[in-house]
Amino acid sequence: MENKELYESSWWLNEQMVSDYWWHADRIFTDEELDKIIQLGESGPPTATALQPAKVAQGMIDTDTRACSVAFLNSYAEDTQWIYQRLTGVVVDMNNKFFHYDLNRIESLQFTKYESGHKEFYEKHVDAMYKSFAPRKLSFSMMLSDPTTYEGGDLLLHYGKEPAIAGRERGKLIFFPSYMLHEVTPVTSGLRYSMVGWVSGPPFR
């Protein structure tokens, strides 16, 4: 029996096994806590906005690749430490079950806002190629918005002939290898909030 047939004919012990490339965890935060994360993300000035004319004019942002606003929720801030504390156990658990990477730190969490007025998006990219203190190995994205409040804005994961559409449920945490090609399709209506994170560790060997 070929490996693919063996894989597909197996009886999985964990219901969270949704594919052989990406996995998810649900309802780590309450709706009230998700609202708080949005409030924290909106309270600080965005560190990068793909539609800021000055940055575009200086060539600092490629609007053909990305159009959205981001702000960072730093771990050293007292009002955000609870988010990192909650995520730590989930990241460790998911890694132990499915990825088995050597990990040691979560980078500053990124709060991202996609608005429909400019049909904001993020083209195909991989997280592992971005500069960091250590190699990014594991990426995750958490949906903060109620999926009924916006259209478009799908997280697509590319690893086969057709991309996989990650779940849109509020509070769902999507985990995938940082080397996986992925994108966020244009938001055509409403407002999409998400929180993105990267977990790094020693280089792969």
N, C-alpha and C. Protein backbone atom coordinates (compact mmCIF):
# COMPACT_ATOMS: atom_id res chain seq x y z
N MET A 1 0.85 -1.20 0.00
CA MET A 1 0.00 0.00 0.00
C MET A 1 0.88 1.24 0.00
N GLU A 2 0.59 2.18 -0.90
CA GLU A 2 1.36 3.40 -0.97
C GLU A 2 1.11 4.25 0.27
N ASN A 3 2.06 5.16 0.54
CA ASN A 3 1.95 6.00 1.73
C ASN A 3 0.65 6.81 1.74
N LYS A 4 0.26 7.37 0.57
CA LYS A 4 -0.96 8.18 0.51
C LYS A 4 -2.18 7.34 0.87
N GLU A 5 -2.27 6.11 0.33
CA GLU A 5 -3.40 5.24 0.64
C GLU A 5 -3.39 4.84 2.11
N LEU A 6 -2.21 4.58 2.63
CA LEU A 6 -2.09 4.23 4.04
C LEU A 6 -2.55 5.39 4.91
N TYR A 7 -2.17 6.60 4.52
CA TYR A 7 -2.56 7.79 5.28
C TYR A 7 -4.07 7.95 5.28
N GLU A 8 -4.69 7.87 4.09
CA GLU A 8 -6.12 8.11 3.96
C GLU A 8 -6.96 7.00 4.60
N SER A 9 -6.42 5.80 4.71
CA SER A 9 -7.18 4.69 5.27
C SER A 9 -7.00 4.56 6.78
N SER A 10 -6.18 5.42 7.36
CA SER A 10 -5.92 5.37 8.80
C SER A 10 -7.11 5.89 9.59
N TRP A 11 -7.22 5.42 10.82
CA TRP A 11 -8.25 5.90 11.74
C TRP A 11 -7.58 6.87 12.70
N TRP A 12 -7.91 8.16 12.59
CA TRP A 12 -7.25 9.18 13.38
C TRP A 12 -7.81 9.21 14.80
N LEU A 13 -6.94 9.34 15.77
CA LEU A 13 -7.33 9.36 17.17
C LEU A 13 -7.76 10.74 17.64
N ASN A 14 -7.38 11.78 16.91
CA ASN A 14 -7.68 13.14 17.33
C ASN A 14 -8.56 13.81 16.28
N GLU A 15 -9.72 14.33 16.69
CA GLU A 15 -10.65 14.94 15.75
C GLU A 15 -10.11 16.20 15.10
N GLN A 16 -9.06 16.79 15.67
CA GLN A 16 -8.53 18.04 15.14
C GLN A 16 -7.67 17.81 13.90
N MET A 17 -7.44 16.55 13.55
CA MET A 17 -6.66 16.26 12.36
C MET A 17 -7.49 16.56 11.13
N VAL A 18 -7.28 17.71 10.51
CA VAL A 18 -8.09 18.11 9.37
C VAL A 18 -7.35 17.95 8.05
N SER A 19 -6.05 17.87 8.06
CA SER A 19 -5.29 17.63 6.84
C SER A 19 -3.89 17.23 7.25
N ASP A 20 -3.09 16.88 6.26
CA ASP A 20 -1.70 16.53 6.59
C ASP A 20 -0.78 17.74 6.47
N TYR A 21 -1.36 18.95 6.39
CA TYR A 21 -0.54 20.15 6.25
C TYR A 21 -0.88 21.23 7.27
N TRP A 22 -2.12 21.34 7.68
CA TRP A 22 -2.49 22.38 8.63
C TRP A 22 -3.56 21.87 9.59
N TRP A 23 -3.60 22.50 10.76
CA TRP A 23 -4.51 22.06 11.81
C TRP A 23 -5.13 23.27 12.48
N HIS A 24 -6.13 23.03 13.32
CA HIS A 24 -6.79 24.16 13.96
C HIS A 24 -7.13 23.84 15.42
N ALA A 25 -7.32 24.91 16.18
CA ALA A 25 -7.81 24.82 17.55
C ALA A 25 -8.95 25.83 17.68
N ASP A 26 -9.96 25.50 18.46
CA ASP A 26 -11.16 26.32 18.54
C ASP A 26 -11.38 26.91 19.93
N ARG A 27 -11.99 28.10 19.94
CA ARG A 27 -12.51 28.73 21.15
C ARG A 27 -11.51 28.78 22.30
N ILE A 28 -10.34 29.29 22.01
CA ILE A 28 -9.33 29.49 23.03
C ILE A 28 -9.67 30.74 23.85
N PHE A 29 -10.32 31.69 23.21
CA PHE A 29 -10.73 32.94 23.85
C PHE A 29 -12.25 33.08 23.78
N THR A 30 -12.82 33.74 24.77
CA THR A 30 -14.25 34.02 24.75
C THR A 30 -14.53 35.18 23.80
N ASP A 31 -15.80 35.41 23.48
CA ASP A 31 -16.16 36.53 22.62
C ASP A 31 -15.74 37.86 23.26
N GLU A 32 -15.90 37.95 24.57
CA GLU A 32 -15.50 39.17 25.27
C GLU A 32 -14.00 39.40 25.16
N GLU A 33 -13.22 38.33 25.24
CA GLU A 33 -11.77 38.46 25.11
C GLU A 33 -11.36 38.81 23.69
N LEU A 34 -12.06 38.25 22.71
CA LEU A 34 -11.79 38.61 21.32
C LEU A 34 -12.09 40.08 21.07
N ASP A 35 -13.18 40.57 21.67
CA ASP A 35 -13.49 42.01 21.57
C ASP A 35 -12.37 42.84 22.20
N LYS A 36 -11.82 42.36 23.31
CA LYS A 36 -10.74 43.07 23.99
C LYS A 36 -9.48 43.12 23.11
N ILE A 37 -9.19 42.04 22.42
CA ILE A 37 -8.03 42.01 21.53
C ILE A 37 -8.20 43.03 20.40
N ILE A 38 -9.41 43.11 19.85
CA ILE A 38 -9.68 44.10 18.81
C ILE A 38 -9.49 45.51 19.37
N GLN A 39 -9.99 45.73 20.57
CA GLN A 39 -9.84 47.04 21.20
C GLN A 39 -8.37 47.40 21.39
N LEU A 40 -7.57 46.43 21.83
CA LEU A 40 -6.14 46.66 22.01
C LEU A 40 -5.46 46.97 20.68
N GLY A 41 -5.83 46.24 19.64
CA GLY A 41 -5.24 46.45 18.33
C GLY A 41 -5.59 47.80 17.75
N GLU A 42 -6.82 48.24 17.98
CA GLU A 42 -7.27 49.52 17.45
C GLU A 42 -6.77 50.71 18.27
N SER A 43 -6.37 50.48 19.51
CA SER A 43 -6.01 51.58 20.40
C SER A 43 -4.65 52.20 20.08
N GLY A 44 -3.77 51.42 19.47
CA GLY A 44 -2.45 51.94 19.16
C GLY A 44 -2.35 52.34 17.70
N PRO A 45 -1.41 53.22 17.37
CA PRO A 45 -1.24 53.62 15.97
C PRO A 45 -0.72 52.45 15.14
N PRO A 46 -1.22 52.28 13.92
CA PRO A 46 -0.71 51.19 13.07
C PRO A 46 0.75 51.43 12.72
N THR A 47 1.53 50.37 12.74
CA THR A 47 2.96 50.48 12.42
C THR A 47 3.20 50.39 10.92
N ALA A 48 2.22 49.88 10.19
CA ALA A 48 2.37 49.80 8.74
C ALA A 48 1.00 49.77 8.11
N THR A 49 0.79 50.58 7.11
CA THR A 49 -0.46 50.59 6.38
C THR A 49 -0.13 50.66 4.90
N ALA A 50 -0.55 49.64 4.18
CA ALA A 50 -0.18 49.57 2.77
C ALA A 50 -0.79 50.69 1.94
N LEU A 51 -1.76 51.39 2.49
CA LEU A 51 -2.41 52.46 1.74
C LEU A 51 -1.96 53.85 2.18
N GLN A 52 -0.92 53.94 3.02
CA GLN A 52 -0.40 55.24 3.41
C GLN A 52 0.38 55.83 2.24
N PRO A 53 -0.07 56.94 1.67
CA PRO A 53 0.57 57.50 0.47
C PRO A 53 2.06 57.77 0.65
N ALA A 54 2.46 58.27 1.83
CA ALA A 54 3.87 58.60 2.04
C ALA A 54 4.75 57.36 1.93
N LYS A 55 4.31 56.28 2.54
CA LYS A 55 5.11 55.05 2.51
C LYS A 55 5.12 54.44 1.12
N VAL A 56 4.00 54.53 0.43
CA VAL A 56 3.96 54.01 -0.93
C VAL A 56 4.90 54.81 -1.82
N ALA A 57 4.90 56.15 -1.69
CA ALA A 57 5.74 57.02 -2.50
C ALA A 57 7.22 56.74 -2.27
N GLN A 58 7.57 56.38 -1.04
CA GLN A 58 8.97 56.10 -0.71
C GLN A 58 9.38 54.68 -1.08
N GLY A 59 8.45 53.93 -1.60
CA GLY A 59 8.76 52.55 -1.97
C GLY A 59 8.88 51.62 -0.79
N MET A 60 8.35 52.02 0.37
CA MET A 60 8.46 51.20 1.57
C MET A 60 7.44 50.07 1.58
N ILE A 61 6.36 50.21 0.81
CA ILE A 61 5.30 49.22 0.79
C ILE A 61 4.95 48.91 -0.66
N ASP A 62 4.82 47.62 -0.95
CA ASP A 62 4.44 47.17 -2.29
C ASP A 62 2.93 46.91 -2.30
N THR A 63 2.16 47.82 -2.86
CA THR A 63 0.71 47.68 -2.84
C THR A 63 0.21 46.60 -3.80
N ASP A 64 1.10 46.08 -4.65
CA ASP A 64 0.69 44.96 -5.49
C ASP A 64 0.67 43.67 -4.69
N THR A 65 1.35 43.67 -3.55
CA THR A 65 1.45 42.47 -2.73
C THR A 65 0.54 42.51 -1.52
N ARG A 66 0.39 43.69 -0.94
CA ARG A 66 -0.31 43.77 0.33
C ARG A 66 -1.02 45.10 0.50
N ALA A 67 -2.26 45.07 0.99
CA ALA A 67 -2.99 46.27 1.33
C ALA A 67 -3.80 45.98 2.59
N CYS A 68 -3.33 46.46 3.72
CA CYS A 68 -3.99 46.25 5.01
C CYS A 68 -3.27 47.09 6.05
N SER A 69 -3.85 47.15 7.24
CA SER A 69 -3.22 47.87 8.35
C SER A 69 -2.81 46.87 9.42
N VAL A 70 -1.66 47.07 10.03
CA VAL A 70 -1.21 46.18 11.10
C VAL A 70 -0.71 46.99 12.28
N ALA A 71 -0.84 46.41 13.45
CA ALA A 71 -0.26 46.94 14.68
C ALA A 71 0.23 45.74 15.48
N PHE A 72 1.19 45.95 16.36
CA PHE A 72 1.77 44.83 17.10
C PHE A 72 1.39 44.88 18.56
N LEU A 73 1.04 43.71 19.08
CA LEU A 73 0.70 43.53 20.49
C LEU A 73 1.91 42.93 21.18
N ASN A 74 2.71 43.76 21.79
CA ASN A 74 3.99 43.32 22.35
C ASN A 74 3.81 42.57 23.66
N SER A 75 4.65 41.58 23.88
CA SER A 75 4.52 40.72 25.06
C SER A 75 4.90 41.44 26.34
N TYR A 76 5.69 42.51 26.26
CA TYR A 76 6.12 43.19 27.48
C TYR A 76 5.07 44.16 28.03
N ALA A 77 4.00 44.39 27.29
CA ALA A 77 2.94 45.28 27.76
C ALA A 77 2.04 44.53 28.73
N GLU A 78 1.73 45.15 29.86
CA GLU A 78 0.92 44.49 30.88
C GLU A 78 -0.46 44.09 30.38
N ASP A 79 -1.03 44.89 29.49
CA ASP A 79 -2.40 44.61 29.04
C ASP A 79 -2.47 43.56 27.94
N THR A 80 -1.33 43.04 27.49
CA THR A 80 -1.35 42.00 26.45
C THR A 80 -0.72 40.68 26.91
N GLN A 81 -0.11 40.63 28.06
CA GLN A 81 0.57 39.42 28.50
C GLN A 81 -0.38 38.23 28.64
N TRP A 82 -1.62 38.50 29.02
CA TRP A 82 -2.59 37.41 29.16
C TRP A 82 -2.84 36.68 27.84
N ILE A 83 -2.69 37.41 26.72
CA ILE A 83 -2.88 36.77 25.42
C ILE A 83 -1.77 35.75 25.18
N TYR A 84 -0.54 36.15 25.45
CA TYR A 84 0.60 35.24 25.27
C TYR A 84 0.51 34.06 26.22
N GLN A 85 0.09 34.31 27.44
CA GLN A 85 -0.03 33.22 28.41
C GLN A 85 -1.05 32.19 27.95
N ARG A 86 -2.16 32.65 27.39
CA ARG A 86 -3.19 31.74 26.90
C ARG A 86 -2.70 30.96 25.68
N LEU A 87 -1.97 31.62 24.81
CA LEU A 87 -1.51 30.98 23.58
C LEU A 87 -0.41 29.95 23.83
N THR A 88 0.39 30.16 24.86
CA THR A 88 1.56 29.31 25.08
C THR A 88 1.18 27.83 25.14
N GLY A 89 0.22 27.50 25.97
CA GLY A 89 -0.17 26.10 26.10
C GLY A 89 -0.72 25.53 24.82
N VAL A 90 -1.47 26.33 24.08
CA VAL A 90 -2.07 25.86 22.82
C VAL A 90 -0.98 25.61 21.79
N VAL A 91 -0.04 26.53 21.66
CA VAL A 91 1.06 26.37 20.70
C VAL A 91 1.87 25.12 21.03
N VAL A 92 2.21 24.95 22.30
CA VAL A 92 2.99 23.77 22.71
C VAL A 92 2.23 22.49 22.42
N ASP A 93 0.94 22.48 22.73
CA ASP A 93 0.12 21.29 22.52
C ASP A 93 0.01 20.95 21.04
N MET A 94 -0.29 21.94 20.20
CA MET A 94 -0.42 21.69 18.77
C MET A 94 0.90 21.23 18.16
N ASN A 95 1.99 21.84 18.61
CA ASN A 95 3.30 21.44 18.09
C ASN A 95 3.64 20.01 18.50
N ASN A 96 3.36 19.66 19.74
CA ASN A 96 3.67 18.31 20.21
C ASN A 96 2.84 17.25 19.47
N LYS A 97 1.61 17.59 19.12
CA LYS A 97 0.73 16.63 18.46
C LYS A 97 1.03 16.47 16.98
N PHE A 98 1.33 17.59 16.30
CA PHE A 98 1.31 17.55 14.85
C PHE A 98 2.60 17.96 14.14
N PHE A 99 3.37 18.88 14.69
CA PHE A 99 4.50 19.43 13.95
C PHE A 99 5.86 18.91 14.42
N HIS A 100 6.04 18.83 15.74
CA HIS A 100 7.27 18.32 16.33
C HIS A 100 8.50 19.17 15.95
N TYR A 101 8.31 20.48 15.94
CA TYR A 101 9.40 21.40 15.67
C TYR A 101 10.12 21.75 16.97
N ASP A 102 11.35 22.17 16.85
CA ASP A 102 12.11 22.71 17.98
C ASP A 102 11.80 24.20 18.05
N LEU A 103 10.94 24.60 18.99
CA LEU A 103 10.47 25.99 19.09
C LEU A 103 10.89 26.60 20.42
N ASN A 104 11.08 27.94 20.41
CA ASN A 104 11.47 28.56 21.68
C ASN A 104 10.86 29.93 21.94
N ARG A 105 10.20 30.57 20.95
CA ARG A 105 9.63 31.88 21.24
C ARG A 105 8.53 32.26 20.25
N ILE A 106 7.54 33.01 20.77
CA ILE A 106 6.51 33.59 19.93
C ILE A 106 6.90 35.04 19.65
N GLU A 107 6.98 35.40 18.39
CA GLU A 107 7.28 36.79 18.05
C GLU A 107 6.11 37.69 18.44
N SER A 108 6.32 38.99 18.39
CA SER A 108 5.25 39.93 18.70
C SER A 108 4.04 39.65 17.84
N LEU A 109 2.89 39.54 18.49
CA LEU A 109 1.66 39.23 17.77
C LEU A 109 1.24 40.41 16.89
N GLN A 110 0.77 40.09 15.70
CA GLN A 110 0.36 41.12 14.75
C GLN A 110 -1.17 41.19 14.67
N PHE A 111 -1.69 42.36 14.96
CA PHE A 111 -3.12 42.63 14.78
C PHE A 111 -3.30 43.21 13.38
N THR A 112 -4.18 42.61 12.60
CA THR A 112 -4.33 43.01 11.20
C THR A 112 -5.77 43.39 10.91
N LYS A 113 -5.93 44.48 10.18
CA LYS A 113 -7.26 44.96 9.78
C LYS A 113 -7.32 45.09 8.27
N TYR A 114 -8.31 44.41 7.68
CA TYR A 114 -8.56 44.49 6.24
C TYR A 114 -9.89 45.20 6.03
N GLU A 115 -9.88 46.30 5.30
CA GLU A 115 -11.09 47.07 5.05
C GLU A 115 -11.58 46.85 3.62
N SER A 116 -12.88 46.94 3.45
CA SER A 116 -13.47 46.65 2.14
C SER A 116 -13.44 47.85 1.20
N GLY A 117 -13.27 49.07 1.75
CA GLY A 117 -13.29 50.25 0.89
C GLY A 117 -12.27 50.20 -0.23
N HIS A 118 -11.10 49.61 0.07
CA HIS A 118 -10.05 49.46 -0.94
C HIS A 118 -9.84 47.99 -1.30
N LYS A 119 -10.78 47.15 -0.87
CA LYS A 119 -10.68 45.70 -1.12
C LYS A 119 -9.31 45.18 -0.69
N GLU A 120 -9.00 45.41 0.56
CA GLU A 120 -7.66 45.08 1.07
C GLU A 120 -7.42 43.57 1.08
N PHE A 121 -6.15 43.20 0.96
CA PHE A 121 -5.77 41.81 0.70
C PHE A 121 -4.31 41.60 1.10
N TYR A 122 -3.87 40.34 1.01
CA TYR A 122 -2.45 40.01 1.13
C TYR A 122 -2.18 38.89 0.13
N GLU A 123 -1.38 39.19 -0.89
CA GLU A 123 -1.09 38.23 -1.95
C GLU A 123 -0.31 37.03 -1.42
N LYS A 124 -0.12 36.05 -2.28
CA LYS A 124 0.58 34.82 -1.91
C LYS A 124 1.98 35.14 -1.35
N HIS A 125 2.31 34.52 -0.23
CA HIS A 125 3.61 34.74 0.41
C HIS A 125 3.89 33.62 1.40
N VAL A 126 5.12 33.55 1.86
CA VAL A 126 5.50 32.63 2.94
C VAL A 126 6.09 33.45 4.08
N ASP A 127 5.83 33.03 5.30
CA ASP A 127 6.32 33.78 6.47
C ASP A 127 7.78 33.50 6.76
N ALA A 128 8.27 32.35 6.36
CA ALA A 128 9.63 31.95 6.72
C ALA A 128 10.69 32.82 6.09
N MET A 129 10.35 33.56 5.04
CA MET A 129 11.34 34.35 4.32
C MET A 129 11.57 35.72 4.95
N TYR A 130 10.71 36.11 5.92
CA TYR A 130 10.85 37.43 6.51
C TYR A 130 11.95 37.44 7.56
N LYS A 131 12.61 38.61 7.68
CA LYS A 131 13.69 38.74 8.65
C LYS A 131 13.15 38.58 10.06
N SER A 132 13.88 37.84 10.88
CA SER A 132 13.46 37.58 12.24
C SER A 132 14.70 37.29 13.07
N PHE A 133 14.53 37.24 14.39
CA PHE A 133 15.65 36.93 15.26
C PHE A 133 16.10 35.48 15.09
N ALA A 134 15.18 34.62 14.71
CA ALA A 134 15.47 33.20 14.49
C ALA A 134 14.50 32.72 13.41
N PRO A 135 14.78 31.58 12.81
CA PRO A 135 13.90 31.10 11.73
C PRO A 135 12.46 30.90 12.20
N ARG A 136 11.54 31.45 11.44
CA ARG A 136 10.12 31.19 11.70
C ARG A 136 9.79 29.78 11.23
N LYS A 137 9.17 29.01 12.10
CA LYS A 137 8.86 27.62 11.78
C LYS A 137 7.36 27.35 11.75
N LEU A 138 6.64 27.95 12.68
CA LEU A 138 5.21 27.69 12.80
C LEU A 138 4.45 29.01 12.78
N SER A 139 3.44 29.10 11.94
CA SER A 139 2.61 30.30 11.84
C SER A 139 1.20 29.98 12.32
N PHE A 140 0.54 31.00 12.82
CA PHE A 140 -0.87 30.82 13.17
C PHE A 140 -1.64 32.10 12.90
N SER A 141 -2.91 31.93 12.62
CA SER A 141 -3.80 33.06 12.35
C SER A 141 -5.11 32.81 13.07
N MET A 142 -5.59 33.81 13.81
CA MET A 142 -6.84 33.68 14.53
C MET A 142 -7.85 34.69 14.02
N MET A 143 -9.02 34.19 13.67
CA MET A 143 -10.09 35.05 13.19
C MET A 143 -10.71 35.81 14.36
N LEU A 144 -10.74 37.14 14.30
CA LEU A 144 -11.30 37.95 15.37
C LEU A 144 -12.71 38.44 15.04
N SER A 145 -13.03 38.54 13.77
CA SER A 145 -14.33 39.08 13.34
C SER A 145 -15.39 37.99 13.24
N ASP A 146 -16.63 38.37 13.46
CA ASP A 146 -17.76 37.50 13.17
C ASP A 146 -17.80 37.31 11.65
N PRO A 147 -17.80 36.08 11.16
CA PRO A 147 -17.74 35.87 9.70
C PRO A 147 -18.95 36.41 8.95
N THR A 148 -20.03 36.70 9.66
CA THR A 148 -21.22 37.24 8.98
C THR A 148 -21.10 38.74 8.75
N THR A 149 -20.04 39.37 9.27
CA THR A 149 -19.91 40.83 9.17
C THR A 149 -19.03 41.26 8.00
N TYR A 150 -18.47 40.32 7.25
CA TYR A 150 -17.63 40.70 6.12
C TYR A 150 -17.72 39.62 5.04
N GLU A 151 -17.36 40.00 3.83
CA GLU A 151 -17.31 39.07 2.70
C GLU A 151 -15.93 39.10 2.10
N GLY A 152 -15.53 37.99 1.48
CA GLY A 152 -14.16 37.87 1.00
C GLY A 152 -13.25 37.60 2.18
N GLY A 153 -11.97 37.96 2.04
CA GLY A 153 -11.05 37.81 3.15
C GLY A 153 -10.80 36.38 3.58
N ASP A 154 -10.82 35.45 2.64
CA ASP A 154 -10.53 34.05 2.98
C ASP A 154 -9.03 33.84 3.13
N LEU A 155 -8.65 33.05 4.12
CA LEU A 155 -7.27 32.61 4.26
C LEU A 155 -7.11 31.35 3.42
N LEU A 156 -6.30 31.43 2.37
CA LEU A 156 -6.07 30.30 1.48
C LEU A 156 -4.69 29.73 1.72
N LEU A 157 -4.63 28.41 1.86
CA LEU A 157 -3.37 27.70 2.08
C LEU A 157 -3.07 26.88 0.83
N HIS A 158 -1.90 27.13 0.24
CA HIS A 158 -1.54 26.51 -1.03
C HIS A 158 -0.55 25.37 -0.81
N TYR A 159 -1.02 24.15 -1.09
CA TYR A 159 -0.10 23.02 -1.01
C TYR A 159 -0.49 21.91 -1.99
N GLY A 160 -1.46 22.15 -2.83
CA GLY A 160 -1.87 21.17 -3.82
C GLY A 160 -2.36 21.86 -5.07
N LYS A 161 -3.10 21.16 -5.89
CA LYS A 161 -3.62 21.76 -7.12
C LYS A 161 -4.59 22.90 -6.83
N GLU A 162 -5.41 22.72 -5.79
CA GLU A 162 -6.37 23.74 -5.40
C GLU A 162 -6.07 24.18 -3.97
N PRO A 163 -6.16 25.48 -3.68
CA PRO A 163 -5.88 25.94 -2.31
C PRO A 163 -6.96 25.49 -1.33
N ALA A 164 -6.55 25.27 -0.09
CA ALA A 164 -7.49 24.95 0.97
C ALA A 164 -7.98 26.25 1.60
N ILE A 165 -9.27 26.33 1.87
CA ILE A 165 -9.84 27.51 2.52
C ILE A 165 -9.92 27.23 4.01
N ALA A 166 -9.18 28.00 4.81
CA ALA A 166 -9.19 27.81 6.25
C ALA A 166 -10.52 28.28 6.83
N GLY A 167 -10.89 27.75 7.97
CA GLY A 167 -12.15 28.09 8.59
C GLY A 167 -12.25 29.57 8.95
N ARG A 168 -13.46 30.12 8.87
CA ARG A 168 -13.70 31.52 9.15
C ARG A 168 -14.32 31.76 10.52
N GLU A 169 -14.57 30.70 11.29
CA GLU A 169 -15.25 30.85 12.56
C GLU A 169 -14.49 31.77 13.50
N ARG A 170 -15.22 32.60 14.21
CA ARG A 170 -14.59 33.54 15.13
C ARG A 170 -13.87 32.78 16.24
N GLY A 171 -12.62 33.16 16.49
CA GLY A 171 -11.84 32.52 17.53
C GLY A 171 -11.07 31.30 17.08
N LYS A 172 -11.27 30.85 15.84
CA LYS A 172 -10.55 29.68 15.34
C LYS A 172 -9.09 30.03 15.13
N LEU A 173 -8.21 29.17 15.61
CA LEU A 173 -6.77 29.33 15.43
C LEU A 173 -6.30 28.34 14.36
N ILE A 174 -5.76 28.86 13.28
CA ILE A 174 -5.25 28.04 12.19
C ILE A 174 -3.73 27.97 12.31
N PHE A 175 -3.20 26.75 12.37
CA PHE A 175 -1.75 26.54 12.46
C PHE A 175 -1.24 25.92 11.17
N PHE A 176 -0.09 26.41 10.68
CA PHE A 176 0.51 25.84 9.48
C PHE A 176 2.01 26.14 9.48
N PRO A 177 2.81 25.35 8.77
CA PRO A 177 4.25 25.61 8.70
C PRO A 177 4.52 26.97 8.07
N SER A 178 5.51 27.68 8.58
CA SER A 178 5.80 29.03 8.08
C SER A 178 6.32 29.04 6.65
N TYR A 179 6.72 27.88 6.15
CA TYR A 179 7.18 27.82 4.75
C TYR A 179 6.03 27.60 3.78
N MET A 180 4.80 27.46 4.28
CA MET A 180 3.67 27.20 3.39
C MET A 180 3.20 28.48 2.71
N LEU A 181 2.97 28.40 1.42
CA LEU A 181 2.45 29.52 0.65
C LEU A 181 0.99 29.76 1.06
N HIS A 182 0.65 31.03 1.34
CA HIS A 182 -0.71 31.35 1.74
C HIS A 182 -1.05 32.77 1.35
N GLU A 183 -2.32 33.12 1.44
CA GLU A 183 -2.77 34.47 1.07
C GLU A 183 -4.09 34.78 1.75
N VAL A 184 -4.45 36.06 1.75
CA VAL A 184 -5.77 36.51 2.19
C VAL A 184 -6.42 37.20 1.00
N THR A 185 -7.56 36.69 0.57
CA THR A 185 -8.24 37.25 -0.60
C THR A 185 -8.85 38.61 -0.27
N PRO A 186 -9.12 39.45 -1.26
CA PRO A 186 -9.66 40.79 -1.02
C PRO A 186 -10.96 40.76 -0.21
N VAL A 187 -11.05 41.67 0.74
CA VAL A 187 -12.28 41.86 1.50
C VAL A 187 -13.20 42.76 0.68
N THR A 188 -14.34 42.25 0.29
CA THR A 188 -15.24 42.97 -0.61
C THR A 188 -16.37 43.67 0.11
N SER A 189 -16.59 43.33 1.37
CA SER A 189 -17.64 43.96 2.16
C SER A 189 -17.30 43.83 3.63
N GLY A 190 -17.55 44.89 4.40
CA GLY A 190 -17.34 44.83 5.84
C GLY A 190 -15.89 45.03 6.24
N LEU A 191 -15.53 44.48 7.39
CA LEU A 191 -14.21 44.69 8.00
C LEU A 191 -13.74 43.38 8.60
N ARG A 192 -12.53 42.99 8.27
CA ARG A 192 -11.98 41.71 8.76
C ARG A 192 -10.82 41.98 9.71
N TYR A 193 -10.95 41.47 10.93
CA TYR A 193 -9.87 41.56 11.92
C TYR A 193 -9.27 40.17 12.13
N SER A 194 -7.96 40.13 12.29
CA SER A 194 -7.31 38.87 12.63
C SER A 194 -6.08 39.14 13.48
N MET A 195 -5.62 38.12 14.16
CA MET A 195 -4.37 38.20 14.91
C MET A 195 -3.45 37.10 14.39
N VAL A 196 -2.26 37.50 14.00
CA VAL A 196 -1.31 36.59 13.37
C VAL A 196 -0.09 36.44 14.26
N GLY A 197 0.45 35.24 14.30
CA GLY A 197 1.66 35.02 15.09
C GLY A 197 2.61 34.06 14.41
N TRP A 198 3.87 34.16 14.81
CA TRP A 198 4.92 33.30 14.28
C TRP A 198 5.73 32.76 15.44
N VAL A 199 6.05 31.47 15.38
CA VAL A 199 6.83 30.82 16.43
C VAL A 199 8.16 30.40 15.82
N SER A 200 9.23 30.81 16.43
CA SER A 200 10.55 30.55 15.87
C SER A 200 11.36 29.60 16.74
N GLY A 201 12.47 29.17 16.19
CA GLY A 201 13.36 28.26 16.89
C GLY A 201 14.66 28.09 16.14
N PRO A 202 15.52 27.19 16.57
CA PRO A 202 16.80 26.95 15.89
C PRO A 202 16.57 26.52 14.45
N PRO A 203 17.55 26.72 13.58
CA PRO A 203 17.40 26.32 12.17
C PRO A 203 17.09 24.83 12.03
N PHE A 204 16.32 24.51 10.99
CA PHE A 204 16.06 23.10 10.67
C PHE A 204 17.38 22.42 10.28
N ARG A 205 17.50 21.17 10.67
CA ARG A 205 18.70 20.40 10.31
C ARG A 205 18.30 19.08 9.71
